Each structure stands twice: as structure tokens, then as C-alpha cells.
Amino acid sequence: MRIRDEFGAVFESEQFVAGFAPRGGPSVSPGMLALVSVPQYAERLTDRQAADAVRGRIDWKYALGLQLADPG
């Protein structure tokens, strides 16, 4: 959270565009996916547990720059 306070957005989506197909349905931004993977790895969470953390934990929402009412 301190990194986000100090530097703002850490990962910009434009840095990760090449890793995602241009076709298909809408998705979460590549930068957001990259940012979620850091605390997921640090806390040794499964994908489902990380998704639950984004939906229900204030610290994860703050670190990702989401509104508290964001459904995650």
C-alpha cells in the first residue's frame, strides 16, 4: 500500500497488452492482473482465494485502487 501511496499506479495496462489476445470478451485490465498476482504470491493464495480477497478485503481494494463498494 505504501508503494501505491508513493508512486500511484505501479503497473500500467499498456505494458502488458502484448500478452493478451485482441479477441474475446471484456476482461480486467492487464495491469490490474499483474498487480493482483504480487499479493497473491506473497500470501500463497489460490486464484479463487485471491478473487475472494479482492472482493472482501479493504487492504487489497486500496492497493488495487478500487472503490470500497467495488464488487471486485
N, C-alpha and C. Protein backbone atom coordinates (compact mmCIF):
# COMPACT_ATOMS: atom_id res chain seq x y z
N MET A 1 0.82 -1.18 0.00
CA MET A 1 0.00 0.00 0.00
C MET A 1 0.87 1.25 0.00
N ARG A 2 2.02 1.17 0.63
CA ARG A 2 2.91 2.32 0.65
C ARG A 2 3.43 2.64 -0.75
N ILE A 3 3.68 1.61 -1.53
CA ILE A 3 4.14 1.84 -2.91
C ILE A 3 3.08 2.59 -3.69
N ARG A 4 1.82 2.18 -3.55
CA ARG A 4 0.75 2.85 -4.26
C ARG A 4 0.60 4.29 -3.79
N ASP A 5 0.72 4.52 -2.49
CA ASP A 5 0.64 5.89 -1.97
C ASP A 5 1.75 6.77 -2.55
N GLU A 6 2.93 6.21 -2.64
CA GLU A 6 4.09 6.98 -3.07
C GLU A 6 4.14 7.20 -4.59
N PHE A 7 3.86 6.14 -5.33
CA PHE A 7 4.06 6.21 -6.78
C PHE A 7 2.78 6.20 -7.60
N GLY A 8 1.64 5.99 -6.99
CA GLY A 8 0.40 5.90 -7.74
C GLY A 8 0.29 4.53 -8.38
N ALA A 9 -0.19 4.49 -9.60
CA ALA A 9 -0.34 3.22 -10.31
C ALA A 9 1.03 2.62 -10.59
N VAL A 10 1.21 1.38 -10.17
CA VAL A 10 2.50 0.71 -10.33
C VAL A 10 2.62 0.09 -11.72
N PHE A 11 1.59 -0.61 -12.14
CA PHE A 11 1.60 -1.27 -13.44
C PHE A 11 0.57 -0.61 -14.34
N GLU A 12 1.00 -0.18 -15.49
CA GLU A 12 0.10 0.39 -16.48
C GLU A 12 -0.29 -0.70 -17.46
N SER A 13 -1.55 -0.73 -17.87
CA SER A 13 -2.04 -1.79 -18.75
C SER A 13 -1.29 -1.85 -20.07
N GLU A 14 -0.84 -0.71 -20.56
CA GLU A 14 -0.16 -0.68 -21.85
C GLU A 14 1.10 -1.55 -21.86
N GLN A 15 1.71 -1.76 -20.71
CA GLN A 15 2.92 -2.57 -20.62
C GLN A 15 2.63 -4.05 -20.87
N PHE A 16 1.38 -4.47 -20.74
CA PHE A 16 1.04 -5.89 -20.80
C PHE A 16 0.13 -6.24 -21.96
N VAL A 17 -0.14 -5.31 -22.85
CA VAL A 17 -1.08 -5.55 -23.94
C VAL A 17 -0.63 -6.70 -24.83
N ALA A 18 0.66 -6.82 -25.07
CA ALA A 18 1.16 -7.87 -25.97
C ALA A 18 0.87 -9.27 -25.43
N GLY A 19 0.65 -9.42 -24.16
CA GLY A 19 0.40 -10.72 -23.56
C GLY A 19 -1.06 -11.16 -23.61
N PHE A 20 -1.95 -10.35 -24.18
CA PHE A 20 -3.36 -10.67 -24.21
C PHE A 20 -3.89 -10.63 -25.64
N ALA A 21 -4.74 -11.59 -25.96
CA ALA A 21 -5.31 -11.66 -27.31
C ALA A 21 -6.26 -10.48 -27.55
N PRO A 22 -6.29 -9.97 -28.78
CA PRO A 22 -7.18 -8.85 -29.08
C PRO A 22 -8.64 -9.27 -29.22
N ARG A 23 -8.91 -10.57 -29.31
CA ARG A 23 -10.28 -11.06 -29.47
C ARG A 23 -10.81 -11.58 -28.14
N GLY A 24 -12.11 -11.76 -28.10
CA GLY A 24 -12.72 -12.32 -26.90
C GLY A 24 -13.52 -11.30 -26.14
N GLY A 25 -14.05 -11.74 -25.03
CA GLY A 25 -14.89 -10.88 -24.21
C GLY A 25 -14.09 -9.89 -23.40
N PRO A 26 -14.78 -8.97 -22.76
CA PRO A 26 -14.09 -7.98 -21.93
C PRO A 26 -13.39 -8.65 -20.75
N SER A 27 -12.34 -8.04 -20.32
CA SER A 27 -11.53 -8.61 -19.25
C SER A 27 -11.08 -7.51 -18.31
N VAL A 28 -10.48 -7.93 -17.22
CA VAL A 28 -9.85 -6.99 -16.31
C VAL A 28 -8.60 -6.48 -17.01
N SER A 29 -8.18 -5.27 -16.70
CA SER A 29 -7.00 -4.72 -17.35
C SER A 29 -5.77 -5.57 -17.04
N PRO A 30 -4.87 -5.70 -18.00
CA PRO A 30 -3.65 -6.47 -17.78
C PRO A 30 -2.81 -5.95 -16.62
N GLY A 31 -2.78 -4.64 -16.43
CA GLY A 31 -2.04 -4.07 -15.31
C GLY A 31 -2.62 -4.48 -13.97
N MET A 32 -3.95 -4.55 -13.90
CA MET A 32 -4.62 -4.97 -12.67
C MET A 32 -4.30 -6.44 -12.38
N LEU A 33 -4.32 -7.27 -13.41
CA LEU A 33 -3.99 -8.69 -13.22
C LEU A 33 -2.56 -8.85 -12.71
N ALA A 34 -1.65 -8.07 -13.25
CA ALA A 34 -0.26 -8.14 -12.81
C ALA A 34 -0.13 -7.70 -11.36
N LEU A 35 -0.86 -6.66 -10.99
CA LEU A 35 -0.79 -6.15 -9.63
C LEU A 35 -1.41 -7.13 -8.62
N VAL A 36 -2.45 -7.83 -9.01
CA VAL A 36 -3.08 -8.81 -8.12
C VAL A 36 -2.15 -9.99 -7.87
N SER A 37 -1.36 -10.35 -8.86
CA SER A 37 -0.50 -11.53 -8.71
C SER A 37 0.58 -11.35 -7.64
N VAL A 38 0.98 -10.13 -7.35
CA VAL A 38 2.02 -9.89 -6.35
C VAL A 38 1.54 -10.27 -4.94
N PRO A 39 0.44 -9.70 -4.43
CA PRO A 39 0.00 -10.12 -3.10
C PRO A 39 -0.51 -11.57 -3.08
N GLN A 40 -1.03 -12.04 -4.21
CA GLN A 40 -1.47 -13.43 -4.28
C GLN A 40 -0.29 -14.37 -4.03
N TYR A 41 0.82 -14.08 -4.66
CA TYR A 41 2.02 -14.88 -4.46
C TYR A 41 2.56 -14.72 -3.04
N ALA A 42 2.58 -13.49 -2.55
CA ALA A 42 3.12 -13.23 -1.22
C ALA A 42 2.32 -13.94 -0.12
N GLU A 43 1.02 -14.04 -0.31
CA GLU A 43 0.17 -14.69 0.69
C GLU A 43 -0.11 -16.16 0.35
N ARG A 44 0.48 -16.64 -0.74
CA ARG A 44 0.31 -18.04 -1.18
C ARG A 44 -1.16 -18.42 -1.30
N LEU A 45 -1.89 -17.62 -2.06
CA LEU A 45 -3.31 -17.85 -2.25
C LEU A 45 -3.58 -18.50 -3.60
N THR A 46 -4.63 -19.30 -3.68
CA THR A 46 -5.08 -19.83 -4.95
C THR A 46 -5.76 -18.69 -5.71
N ASP A 47 -6.09 -18.93 -6.97
CA ASP A 47 -6.79 -17.91 -7.76
C ASP A 47 -8.13 -17.56 -7.12
N ARG A 48 -8.85 -18.57 -6.67
CA ARG A 48 -10.15 -18.33 -6.05
C ARG A 48 -10.01 -17.54 -4.76
N GLN A 49 -9.01 -17.86 -3.95
CA GLN A 49 -8.78 -17.13 -2.70
C GLN A 49 -8.39 -15.68 -2.98
N ALA A 50 -7.60 -15.46 -4.02
CA ALA A 50 -7.22 -14.09 -4.39
C ALA A 50 -8.44 -13.31 -4.86
N ALA A 51 -9.31 -13.95 -5.64
CA ALA A 51 -10.54 -13.28 -6.09
C ALA A 51 -11.41 -12.91 -4.89
N ASP A 52 -11.51 -13.81 -3.91
CA ASP A 52 -12.27 -13.50 -2.71
C ASP A 52 -11.64 -12.35 -1.93
N ALA A 53 -10.31 -12.30 -1.90
CA ALA A 53 -9.61 -11.21 -1.20
C ALA A 53 -9.90 -9.87 -1.87
N VAL A 54 -9.94 -9.84 -3.20
CA VAL A 54 -10.23 -8.59 -3.92
C VAL A 54 -11.66 -8.15 -3.63
N ARG A 55 -12.57 -9.11 -3.52
CA ARG A 55 -13.97 -8.77 -3.24
C ARG A 55 -14.20 -8.32 -1.81
N GLY A 56 -13.45 -8.87 -0.84
CA GLY A 56 -13.82 -8.65 0.54
C GLY A 56 -12.83 -7.97 1.45
N ARG A 57 -11.62 -7.72 0.99
CA ARG A 57 -10.62 -7.15 1.91
C ARG A 57 -10.31 -5.71 1.55
N ILE A 58 -10.40 -4.86 2.52
CA ILE A 58 -10.16 -3.43 2.30
C ILE A 58 -8.72 -3.18 1.86
N ASP A 59 -7.75 -3.87 2.44
CA ASP A 59 -6.36 -3.63 2.08
C ASP A 59 -6.08 -3.98 0.62
N TRP A 60 -6.69 -5.02 0.11
CA TRP A 60 -6.49 -5.38 -1.30
C TRP A 60 -7.16 -4.34 -2.20
N LYS A 61 -8.35 -3.90 -1.84
CA LYS A 61 -9.04 -2.89 -2.65
C LYS A 61 -8.23 -1.60 -2.70
N TYR A 62 -7.68 -1.21 -1.57
CA TYR A 62 -6.89 0.01 -1.52
C TYR A 62 -5.63 -0.14 -2.38
N ALA A 63 -4.95 -1.26 -2.24
CA ALA A 63 -3.71 -1.48 -3.01
C ALA A 63 -3.99 -1.50 -4.51
N LEU A 64 -5.16 -1.96 -4.90
CA LEU A 64 -5.51 -2.02 -6.33
C LEU A 64 -6.18 -0.75 -6.83
N GLY A 65 -6.42 0.18 -5.93
CA GLY A 65 -7.04 1.45 -6.34
C GLY A 65 -8.53 1.33 -6.61
N LEU A 66 -9.19 0.38 -5.98
CA LEU A 66 -10.62 0.19 -6.18
C LEU A 66 -11.42 0.95 -5.13
N GLN A 67 -12.64 1.27 -5.47
CA GLN A 67 -13.56 1.88 -4.51
C GLN A 67 -13.98 0.81 -3.51
N LEU A 68 -14.32 1.20 -2.29
CA LEU A 68 -14.74 0.23 -1.29
C LEU A 68 -16.00 -0.52 -1.70
N ALA A 69 -16.85 0.12 -2.49
CA ALA A 69 -18.08 -0.52 -2.93
C ALA A 69 -17.86 -1.38 -4.19
N ASP A 70 -16.66 -1.39 -4.74
CA ASP A 70 -16.38 -2.18 -5.94
C ASP A 70 -16.62 -3.66 -5.65
N PRO A 71 -17.35 -4.36 -6.53
CA PRO A 71 -17.65 -5.77 -6.27
C PRO A 71 -16.45 -6.69 -6.46
N GLY A 72 -15.35 -6.16 -6.98
CA GLY A 72 -14.15 -6.98 -7.15
C GLY A 72 -14.23 -7.84 -8.34
